[in-house]
Amino acid sequence: MKTEVNLATGFVELKGFCKEYKKNVAACSDIDFYAEQGCVTGLLGPNGAGKSTMLKAMCGVHYATRGSVTVCGFTDAVQIRQVTGFVPEYPELDASLTVKELLYLSASMYNVEKKVQKEVVESAVESCSLNEVFTNKISTLSKGFRQRVSLAKALSCNPKVLVLDEFSGGLDPEQIVKIKKMLMNLSKKKTVILSTHHIEEAESLCQRIYVINHGSVAACGTKEEIIAKANVSNLEKAYLKLAGEGA
């Protein structure tokens, strides 16, 4: 009997999550994590801390070695991929397509109903300020535009969960400000999760932060809770104390 899941209450939960790429060499170990609609949840940590490994598991890109990953009530990777939109650090786009072709293809592949595809794609284009390049080939676009197309591609899937890995790479300061506002608005209707190694990015955008170091959670909570746990005066000092030399 098929279990009905209320996708409107999208959430992401990792319990005792462990991922080993080589036997007895863990990229992540014993991680408990929870994110839900209504706030932006951030993974803050140095490069190589395990953030990308966590994000890929949340998107059904790979499986946990041990522990569990649940997204919108689903534990099967195929089902998880149908409700998540992933924005990688480096855009993965077919340069031979136009922006329009790519976004409609993305919507079709994720089974967005024909009757709403136009609305979903147009909303993604508007949100990412892509109107001027909508009919251009991706091969002609700048790095900043490609990053925005990558985000629009994820939004064109009409996901319940939006996951971004170091989203601000390639964007200029004005674009970063605009996308931060967009992500905060999106978090009212979607579960938004992002990774960053920029303290100011986590501080200004995330209502809940997980400090990740050496594949484990060093601290989690609001900015104020993390500062209090570290017994310091600001998030930068808390991060440096909790993440140690890796920061």
C-alpha atoms as a PDB file:
ATOM      1  CA  MET A   1       0.000   0.000   0.000  1.00  0.00           C
ATOM      2  CA  LYS A   2       1.414   3.385  -1.014  1.00  0.00           C
ATOM      3  CA  THR A   3       1.957   5.841   1.829  1.00  0.00           C
ATOM      4  CA  GLU A   4       0.648   9.333   1.140  1.00  0.00           C
ATOM      5  CA  VAL A   5       3.047  12.110   2.125  1.00  0.00           C
ATOM      6  CA  ASN A   6       2.019  15.720   2.657  1.00  0.00           C
ATOM      7  CA  LEU A   7       4.682  17.441   0.593  1.00  0.00           C
ATOM      8  CA  ALA A   8       3.440  20.866   1.713  1.00  0.00           C
ATOM      9  CA  THR A   9       5.148  20.218   5.034  1.00  0.00           C
ATOM     10  CA  GLY A  10       8.544  19.708   3.459  1.00  0.00           C
ATOM     11  CA  PHE A  11      11.419  19.010   5.825  1.00  0.00           C
ATOM     12  CA  VAL A  12      14.888  17.474   5.739  1.00  0.00           C
ATOM     13  CA  GLU A  13      16.234  15.263   8.503  1.00  0.00           C
ATOM     14  CA  LEU A  14      19.505  13.392   8.901  1.00  0.00           C
ATOM     15  CA  LYS A  15      19.840  10.981  11.816  1.00  0.00           C
ATOM     16  CA  GLY A  16      23.196   9.464  12.720  1.00  0.00           C
ATOM     17  CA  PHE A  17      24.290  10.205   9.148  1.00  0.00           C
ATOM     18  CA  CYS A  18      27.623   8.737   8.135  1.00  0.00           C
ATOM     19  CA  LYS A  19      29.196   8.686   4.677  1.00  0.00           C
ATOM     20  CA  GLU A  20      32.350   6.740   3.865  1.00  0.00           C
ATOM     21  CA  TYR A  21      33.920   7.037   0.410  1.00  0.00           C
ATOM     22  CA  LYS A  22      36.619   4.577   1.442  1.00  0.00           C
ATOM     23  CA  LYS A  23      36.270   1.850   4.041  1.00  0.00           C
ATOM     24  CA  ASN A  24      36.744   3.260   7.541  1.00  0.00           C
ATOM     25  CA  VAL A  25      37.429   6.765   6.140  1.00  0.00           C
ATOM     26  CA  ALA A  26      34.395   8.908   6.964  1.00  0.00           C
ATOM     27  CA  ALA A  27      33.634  12.189   5.181  1.00  0.00           C
ATOM     28  CA  CYS A  28      30.781  12.651   7.679  1.00  0.00           C
ATOM     29  CA  SER A  29      30.057  10.782  10.882  1.00  0.00           C
ATOM     30  CA  ASP A  30      27.098  10.599  13.263  1.00  0.00           C
ATOM     31  CA  ILE A  31      25.418  13.808  12.048  1.00  0.00           C
ATOM     32  CA  ASP A  32      21.972  14.834  13.256  1.00  0.00           C
ATOM     33  CA  PHE A  33      20.431  17.623  11.194  1.00  0.00           C
ATOM     34  CA  TYR A  34      16.976  19.127  10.719  1.00  0.00           C
ATOM     35  CA  ALA A  35      15.641  21.863   8.438  1.00  0.00           C
ATOM     36  CA  GLU A  36      12.118  22.961   7.619  1.00  0.00           C
ATOM     37  CA  GLN A  37      10.107  25.519   5.723  1.00  0.00           C
ATOM     38  CA  GLY A  38       9.991  29.012   7.188  1.00  0.00           C
ATOM     39  CA  CYS A  39      13.682  29.738   7.629  1.00  0.00           C
ATOM     40  CA  VAL A  40      16.994  29.495   5.793  1.00  0.00           C
ATOM     41  CA  THR A  41      19.230  26.821   7.316  1.00  0.00           C
ATOM     42  CA  GLY A  42      22.970  27.128   6.771  1.00  0.00           C
ATOM     43  CA  LEU A  43      25.951  24.790   6.941  1.00  0.00           C
ATOM     44  CA  LEU A  44      28.960  26.868   7.936  1.00  0.00           C
ATOM     45  CA  GLY A  45      32.396  25.316   7.791  1.00  0.00           C
ATOM     46  CA  PRO A  46      35.802  25.327   6.100  1.00  0.00           C
ATOM     47  CA  ASN A  47      36.436  23.648   2.756  1.00  0.00           C
ATOM     48  CA  GLY A  48      36.583  19.887   3.166  1.00  0.00           C
ATOM     49  CA  ALA A  49      34.487  19.911   6.350  1.00  0.00           C
ATOM     50  CA  GLY A  50      31.800  17.617   4.900  1.00  0.00           C
ATOM     51  CA  LYS A  51      29.194  20.202   3.878  1.00  0.00           C
ATOM     52  CA  SER A  52      28.900  19.095   0.247  1.00  0.00           C
ATOM     53  CA  THR A  53      28.656  15.457   1.301  1.00  0.00           C
ATOM     54  CA  MET A  54      25.672  16.312   3.487  1.00  0.00           C
ATOM     55  CA  LEU A  55      23.988  18.356   0.756  1.00  0.00           C
ATOM     56  CA  LYS A  56      24.341  15.609  -1.840  1.00  0.00           C
ATOM     57  CA  ALA A  57      22.746  13.121   0.533  1.00  0.00           C
ATOM     58  CA  MET A  58      19.829  15.524   1.093  1.00  0.00           C
ATOM     59  CA  CYS A  59      19.313  15.627  -2.691  1.00  0.00           C
ATOM     60  CA  GLY A  60      19.438  11.875  -3.223  1.00  0.00           C
ATOM     61  CA  VAL A  61      22.727  12.083  -5.131  1.00  0.00           C
ATOM     62  CA  HIS A  62      24.246   9.424  -2.914  1.00  0.00           C
ATOM     63  CA  TYR A  63      23.261   7.178  -0.023  1.00  0.00           C
ATOM     64  CA  ALA A  64      24.243   7.191   3.625  1.00  0.00           C
ATOM     65  CA  THR A  65      26.782   4.557   4.635  1.00  0.00           C
ATOM     66  CA  ARG A  66      25.010   4.451   7.989  1.00  0.00           C
ATOM     67  CA  GLY A  67      22.126   6.396   9.495  1.00  0.00           C
ATOM     68  CA  SER A  68      19.149   7.831   7.639  1.00  0.00           C
ATOM     69  CA  VAL A  69      18.170  10.684   5.327  1.00  0.00           C
ATOM     70  CA  THR A  70      14.527  11.746   5.152  1.00  0.00           C
ATOM     71  CA  VAL A  71      13.216  14.458   2.833  1.00  0.00           C
ATOM     72  CA  CYS A  72       9.514  15.386   2.756  1.00  0.00           C
ATOM     73  CA  GLY A  73       8.822  12.011   4.340  1.00  0.00           C
ATOM     74  CA  PHE A  74      10.776  10.111   1.675  1.00  0.00           C
ATOM     75  CA  THR A  75      13.839   7.939   2.332  1.00  0.00           C
ATOM     76  CA  ASP A  76      14.238   6.549  -1.194  1.00  0.00           C
ATOM     77  CA  ALA A  77      16.854   8.472  -3.224  1.00  0.00           C
ATOM     78  CA  VAL A  78      14.751   8.460  -6.410  1.00  0.00           C
ATOM     79  CA  GLN A  79      11.779  10.017  -4.598  1.00  0.00           C
ATOM     80  CA  ILE A  80      14.051  12.490  -2.804  1.00  0.00           C
ATOM     81  CA  ARG A  81      15.427  13.696  -6.145  1.00  0.00           C
ATOM     82  CA  GLN A  82      11.889  14.478  -7.309  1.00  0.00           C
ATOM     83  CA  VAL A  83      11.253  16.963  -4.484  1.00  0.00           C
ATOM     84  CA  THR A  84      14.655  18.671  -4.266  1.00  0.00           C
ATOM     85  CA  GLY A  85      16.384  21.272  -6.406  1.00  0.00           C
ATOM     86  CA  PHE A  86      20.181  21.329  -6.161  1.00  0.00           C
ATOM     87  CA  VAL A  87      22.426  24.267  -7.064  1.00  0.00           C
ATOM     88  CA  PRO A  88      26.055  23.036  -7.184  1.00  0.00           C
ATOM     89  CA  GLU A  89      29.033  25.256  -6.470  1.00  0.00           C
ATOM     90  CA  TYR A  90      30.045  25.072 -10.125  1.00  0.00           C
ATOM     91  CA  PRO A  91      27.146  25.234 -12.631  1.00  0.00           C
ATOM     92  CA  GLU A  92      26.442  21.998 -14.493  1.00  0.00           C
ATOM     93  CA  LEU A  93      24.733  23.214 -17.671  1.00  0.00           C
ATOM     94  CA  ASP A  94      24.464  22.008 -21.248  1.00  0.00           C
ATOM     95  CA  ALA A  95      26.200  24.849 -23.080  1.00  0.00           C
ATOM     96  CA  SER A  96      24.580  23.901 -26.403  1.00  0.00           C
ATOM     97  CA  LEU A  97      21.088  24.823 -25.150  1.00  0.00           C
ATOM     98  CA  THR A  98      19.473  28.204 -24.743  1.00  0.00           C
ATOM     99  CA  VAL A  99      18.388  29.274 -21.272  1.00  0.00           C
ATOM    100  CA  LYS A 100      14.762  28.762 -22.318  1.00  0.00           C
ATOM    101  CA  GLU A 101      15.408  25.235 -23.598  1.00  0.00           C
ATOM    102  CA  LEU A 102      17.313  24.259 -20.472  1.00  0.00           C
ATOM    103  CA  LEU A 103      14.651  25.498 -18.041  1.00  0.00           C
ATOM    104  CA  TYR A 104      11.751  23.849 -19.861  1.00  0.00           C
ATOM    105  CA  LEU A 105      13.754  20.626 -20.161  1.00  0.00           C
ATOM    106  CA  SER A 106      14.459  20.734 -16.433  1.00  0.00           C
ATOM    107  CA  ALA A 107      10.763  21.250 -15.654  1.00  0.00           C
ATOM    108  CA  SER A 108       9.798  18.327 -17.905  1.00  0.00           C
ATOM    109  CA  MET A 109      12.388  15.978 -16.421  1.00  0.00           C
ATOM    110  CA  TYR A 110      11.038  16.645 -12.941  1.00  0.00           C
ATOM    111  CA  ASN A 111       7.459  15.978 -14.016  1.00  0.00           C
ATOM    112  CA  VAL A 112       6.212  19.534 -13.546  1.00  0.00           C
ATOM    113  CA  GLU A 113       2.706  19.470 -15.031  1.00  0.00           C
ATOM    114  CA  LYS A 114       2.430  20.942 -18.528  1.00  0.00           C
ATOM    115  CA  LYS A 115      -0.255  23.396 -17.444  1.00  0.00           C
ATOM    116  CA  VAL A 116       2.038  25.006 -14.840  1.00  0.00           C
ATOM    117  CA  GLN A 117       5.419  24.719 -16.598  1.00  0.00           C
ATOM    118  CA  LYS A 118       5.179  28.169 -18.163  1.00  0.00           C
ATOM    119  CA  GLU A 119       4.316  29.776 -14.829  1.00  0.00           C
ATOM    120  CA  VAL A 120       7.112  27.957 -12.988  1.00  0.00           C
ATOM    121  CA  VAL A 121       9.761  28.771 -15.609  1.00  0.00           C
ATOM    122  CA  GLU A 122       8.703  32.421 -15.905  1.00  0.00           C
ATOM    123  CA  SER A 123       8.814  32.768 -12.129  1.00  0.00           C
ATOM    124  CA  ALA A 124      12.342  31.308 -12.059  1.00  0.00           C
ATOM    125  CA  VAL A 125      13.475  33.650 -14.841  1.00  0.00           C
ATOM    126  CA  GLU A 126      12.017  36.670 -13.068  1.00  0.00           C
ATOM    127  CA  SER A 127      13.482  35.698  -9.690  1.00  0.00           C
ATOM    128  CA  CYS A 128      16.965  35.228 -11.168  1.00  0.00           C
ATOM    129  CA  SER A 129      16.793  38.290 -13.467  1.00  0.00           C
ATOM    130  CA  LEU A 130      17.343  36.304 -16.661  1.00  0.00           C
ATOM    131  CA  ASN A 131      14.856  37.998 -18.996  1.00  0.00           C
ATOM    132  CA  GLU A 132      17.572  39.628 -21.107  1.00  0.00           C
ATOM    133  CA  VAL A 133      19.331  36.297 -21.796  1.00  0.00           C
ATOM    134  CA  PHE A 134      16.304  33.974 -21.886  1.00  0.00           C
ATOM    135  CA  THR A 135      16.792  33.056 -25.562  1.00  0.00           C
ATOM    136  CA  ASN A 136      20.608  33.150 -25.485  1.00  0.00           C
ATOM    137  CA  LYS A 137      22.763  30.044 -25.644  1.00  0.00           C
ATOM    138  CA  ILE A 138      24.400  29.152 -22.350  1.00  0.00           C
ATOM    139  CA  SER A 139      27.774  29.001 -24.120  1.00  0.00           C
ATOM    140  CA  THR A 140      27.604  32.798 -24.597  1.00  0.00           C
ATOM    141  CA  LEU A 141      26.887  33.653 -20.938  1.00  0.00           C
ATOM    142  CA  SER A 142      29.238  35.106 -18.342  1.00  0.00           C
ATOM    143  CA  LYS A 143      30.143  33.251 -15.152  1.00  0.00           C
ATOM    144  CA  GLY A 144      27.651  35.300 -13.131  1.00  0.00           C
ATOM    145  CA  PHE A 145      24.800  34.619 -15.554  1.00  0.00           C
ATOM    146  CA  ARG A 146      25.610  30.900 -15.566  1.00  0.00           C
ATOM    147  CA  GLN A 147      25.389  30.838 -11.787  1.00  0.00           C
ATOM    148  CA  ARG A 148      21.966  32.472 -11.959  1.00  0.00           C
ATOM    149  CA  VAL A 149      20.843  30.044 -14.675  1.00  0.00           C
ATOM    150  CA  SER A 150      21.935  27.185 -12.403  1.00  0.00           C
ATOM    151  CA  LEU A 151      19.664  28.537  -9.672  1.00  0.00           C
ATOM    152  CA  ALA A 152      16.805  29.045 -12.147  1.00  0.00           C
ATOM    153  CA  LYS A 153      17.286  25.461 -13.337  1.00  0.00           C
ATOM    154  CA  ALA A 154      16.727  24.205  -9.791  1.00  0.00           C
ATOM    155  CA  LEU A 155      13.679  26.447  -9.342  1.00  0.00           C
ATOM    156  CA  SER A 156      12.208  25.217 -12.638  1.00  0.00           C
ATOM    157  CA  CYS A 157      11.856  21.788 -11.012  1.00  0.00           C
ATOM    158  CA  ASN A 158       9.337  23.443  -8.649  1.00  0.00           C
ATOM    159  CA  PRO A 159      11.071  21.764  -5.681  1.00  0.00           C
ATOM    160  CA  LYS A 160       9.780  21.582  -2.136  1.00  0.00           C
ATOM    161  CA  VAL A 161      13.390  21.703  -0.926  1.00  0.00           C
ATOM    162  CA  LEU A 162      16.041  24.017  -2.402  1.00  0.00           C
ATOM    163  CA  VAL A 163      19.669  23.127  -1.659  1.00  0.00           C
ATOM    164  CA  LEU A 164      22.589  25.419  -2.578  1.00  0.00           C
ATOM    165  CA  ASP A 165      26.290  24.618  -2.348  1.00  0.00           C
ATOM    166  CA  GLU A 166      28.358  27.833  -1.966  1.00  0.00           C
ATOM    167  CA  PHE A 167      25.726  29.734  -3.984  1.00  0.00           C
ATOM    168  CA  SER A 168      27.498  33.103  -4.192  1.00  0.00           C
ATOM    169  CA  GLY A 169      30.478  32.001  -6.292  1.00  0.00           C
ATOM    170  CA  GLY A 170      30.711  34.040  -9.488  1.00  0.00           C
ATOM    171  CA  LEU A 171      28.136  36.617  -8.395  1.00  0.00           C
ATOM    172  CA  ASP A 172      28.923  40.284  -7.925  1.00  0.00           C
ATOM    173  CA  PRO A 173      27.910  42.051  -4.656  1.00  0.00           C
ATOM    174  CA  GLU A 174      24.689  43.481  -6.133  1.00  0.00           C
ATOM    175  CA  GLN A 175      23.602  40.064  -7.415  1.00  0.00           C
ATOM    176  CA  ILE A 176      24.388  38.473  -4.052  1.00  0.00           C
ATOM    177  CA  VAL A 177      22.141  40.981  -2.262  1.00  0.00           C
ATOM    178  CA  LYS A 178      19.285  40.277  -4.702  1.00  0.00           C
ATOM    179  CA  ILE A 179      19.583  36.508  -4.407  1.00  0.00           C
ATOM    180  CA  LYS A 180      19.759  36.687  -0.609  1.00  0.00           C
ATOM    181  CA  LYS A 181      16.422  38.532  -0.624  1.00  0.00           C
ATOM    182  CA  MET A 182      14.999  35.997  -3.042  1.00  0.00           C
ATOM    183  CA  LEU A 183      16.112  33.060  -0.873  1.00  0.00           C
ATOM    184  CA  MET A 184      14.559  34.624   2.216  1.00  0.00           C
ATOM    185  CA  ASN A 185      11.269  35.013   0.322  1.00  0.00           C
ATOM    186  CA  LEU A 186      11.476  31.460  -1.038  1.00  0.00           C
ATOM    187  CA  SER A 187      12.004  30.095   2.476  1.00  0.00           C
ATOM    188  CA  LYS A 188       8.423  31.101   3.331  1.00  0.00           C
ATOM    189  CA  LYS A 189       7.172  28.420   0.943  1.00  0.00           C
ATOM    190  CA  LYS A 190      10.122  26.051   0.590  1.00  0.00           C
ATOM    191  CA  THR A 191      12.769  24.471   2.781  1.00  0.00           C
ATOM    192  CA  VAL A 192      15.979  26.336   1.884  1.00  0.00           C
ATOM    193  CA  ILE A 193      19.379  24.929   2.848  1.00  0.00           C
ATOM    194  CA  LEU A 194      22.763  26.324   1.865  1.00  0.00           C
ATOM    195  CA  SER A 195      26.409  25.747   2.592  1.00  0.00           C
ATOM    196  CA  THR A 196      28.986  28.492   2.954  1.00  0.00           C
ATOM    197  CA  HIS A 197      32.425  29.179   4.388  1.00  0.00           C
ATOM    198  CA  HIS A 198      31.648  32.912   4.581  1.00  0.00           C
ATOM    199  CA  ILE A 199      30.693  33.908   8.112  1.00  0.00           C
ATOM    200  CA  GLU A 200      28.933  37.115   7.050  1.00  0.00           C
ATOM    201  CA  GLU A 201      26.812  35.141   4.556  1.00  0.00           C
ATOM    202  CA  ALA A 202      25.578  32.745   7.228  1.00  0.00           C
ATOM    203  CA  GLU A 203      25.058  35.581   9.705  1.00  0.00           C
ATOM    204  CA  SER A 204      22.993  37.767   7.365  1.00  0.00           C
ATOM    205  CA  LEU A 205      20.926  35.035   5.702  1.00  0.00           C
ATOM    206  CA  CYS A 206      20.492  32.005   7.965  1.00  0.00           C
ATOM    207  CA  GLN A 207      18.097  31.830  10.885  1.00  0.00           C
ATOM    208  CA  ARG A 208      19.551  28.465  11.896  1.00  0.00           C
ATOM    209  CA  ILE A 209      23.210  27.525  11.485  1.00  0.00           C
ATOM    210  CA  TYR A 210      25.112  24.256  11.728  1.00  0.00           C
ATOM    211  CA  VAL A 211      28.855  24.672  12.235  1.00  0.00           C
ATOM    212  CA  ILE A 212      30.497  21.709  10.490  1.00  0.00           C
ATOM    213  CA  ASN A 213      34.086  20.643  11.085  1.00  0.00           C
ATOM    214  CA  HIS A 214      35.914  17.416  10.234  1.00  0.00           C
ATOM    215  CA  GLY A 215      32.644  15.758   9.165  1.00  0.00           C
ATOM    216  CA  SER A 216      30.805  16.424  12.428  1.00  0.00           C
ATOM    217  CA  VAL A 217      28.467  19.046  13.880  1.00  0.00           C
ATOM    218  CA  ALA A 218      30.478  21.306  16.168  1.00  0.00           C
ATOM    219  CA  ALA A 219      27.423  23.420  17.108  1.00  0.00           C
ATOM    220  CA  CYS A 220      23.942  24.267  15.868  1.00  0.00           C
ATOM    221  CA  GLY A 221      21.254  26.814  16.612  1.00  0.00           C
ATOM    222  CA  THR A 222      20.618  30.484  16.043  1.00  0.00           C
ATOM    223  CA  LYS A 223      23.549  32.869  15.752  1.00  0.00           C
ATOM    224  CA  GLU A 224      22.970  33.940  19.349  1.00  0.00           C
ATOM    225  CA  GLU A 225      22.858  30.362  20.629  1.00  0.00           C
ATOM    226  CA  ILE A 226      26.130  29.457  18.897  1.00  0.00           C
ATOM    227  CA  ILE A 227      27.856  32.576  20.255  1.00  0.00           C
ATOM    228  CA  ALA A 228      26.623  31.725  23.757  1.00  0.00           C
ATOM    229  CA  LYS A 229      27.812  28.129  23.464  1.00  0.00           C
ATOM    230  CA  ALA A 230      31.291  29.270  22.477  1.00  0.00           C
ATOM    231  CA  ASN A 231      31.212  31.945  25.202  1.00  0.00           C
ATOM    232  CA  VAL A 232      32.531  34.657  22.876  1.00  0.00           C
ATOM    233  CA  SER A 233      31.260  38.016  21.607  1.00  0.00           C
ATOM    234  CA  ASN A 234      30.407  37.346  17.943  1.00  0.00           C
ATOM    235  CA  LEU A 235      29.853  34.636  15.346  1.00  0.00           C
ATOM    236  CA  GLU A 236      33.300  34.988  13.790  1.00  0.00           C
ATOM    237  CA  LYS A 237      35.001  34.263  17.106  1.00  0.00           C
ATOM    238  CA  ALA A 238      32.561  31.415  17.783  1.00  0.00           C
ATOM    239  CA  TYR A 239      33.276  29.877  14.385  1.00  0.00           C
ATOM    240  CA  LEU A 240      37.038  30.117  14.818  1.00  0.00           C
ATOM    241  CA  LYS A 241      36.806  28.566  18.267  1.00  0.00           C
ATOM    242  CA  LEU A 242      34.456  25.754  17.245  1.00  0.00           C
ATOM    243  CA  ALA A 243      35.971  24.961  13.868  1.00  0.00           C
ATOM    244  CA  GLY A 244      39.536  25.170  15.149  1.00  0.00           C
ATOM    245  CA  GLU A 245      42.496  25.258  12.828  1.00  0.00           C
ATOM    246  CA  GLY A 246      40.418  24.136   9.835  1.00  0.00           C
ATOM    247  CA  ALA A 247      38.661  27.509   9.769  1.00  0.00           C
END
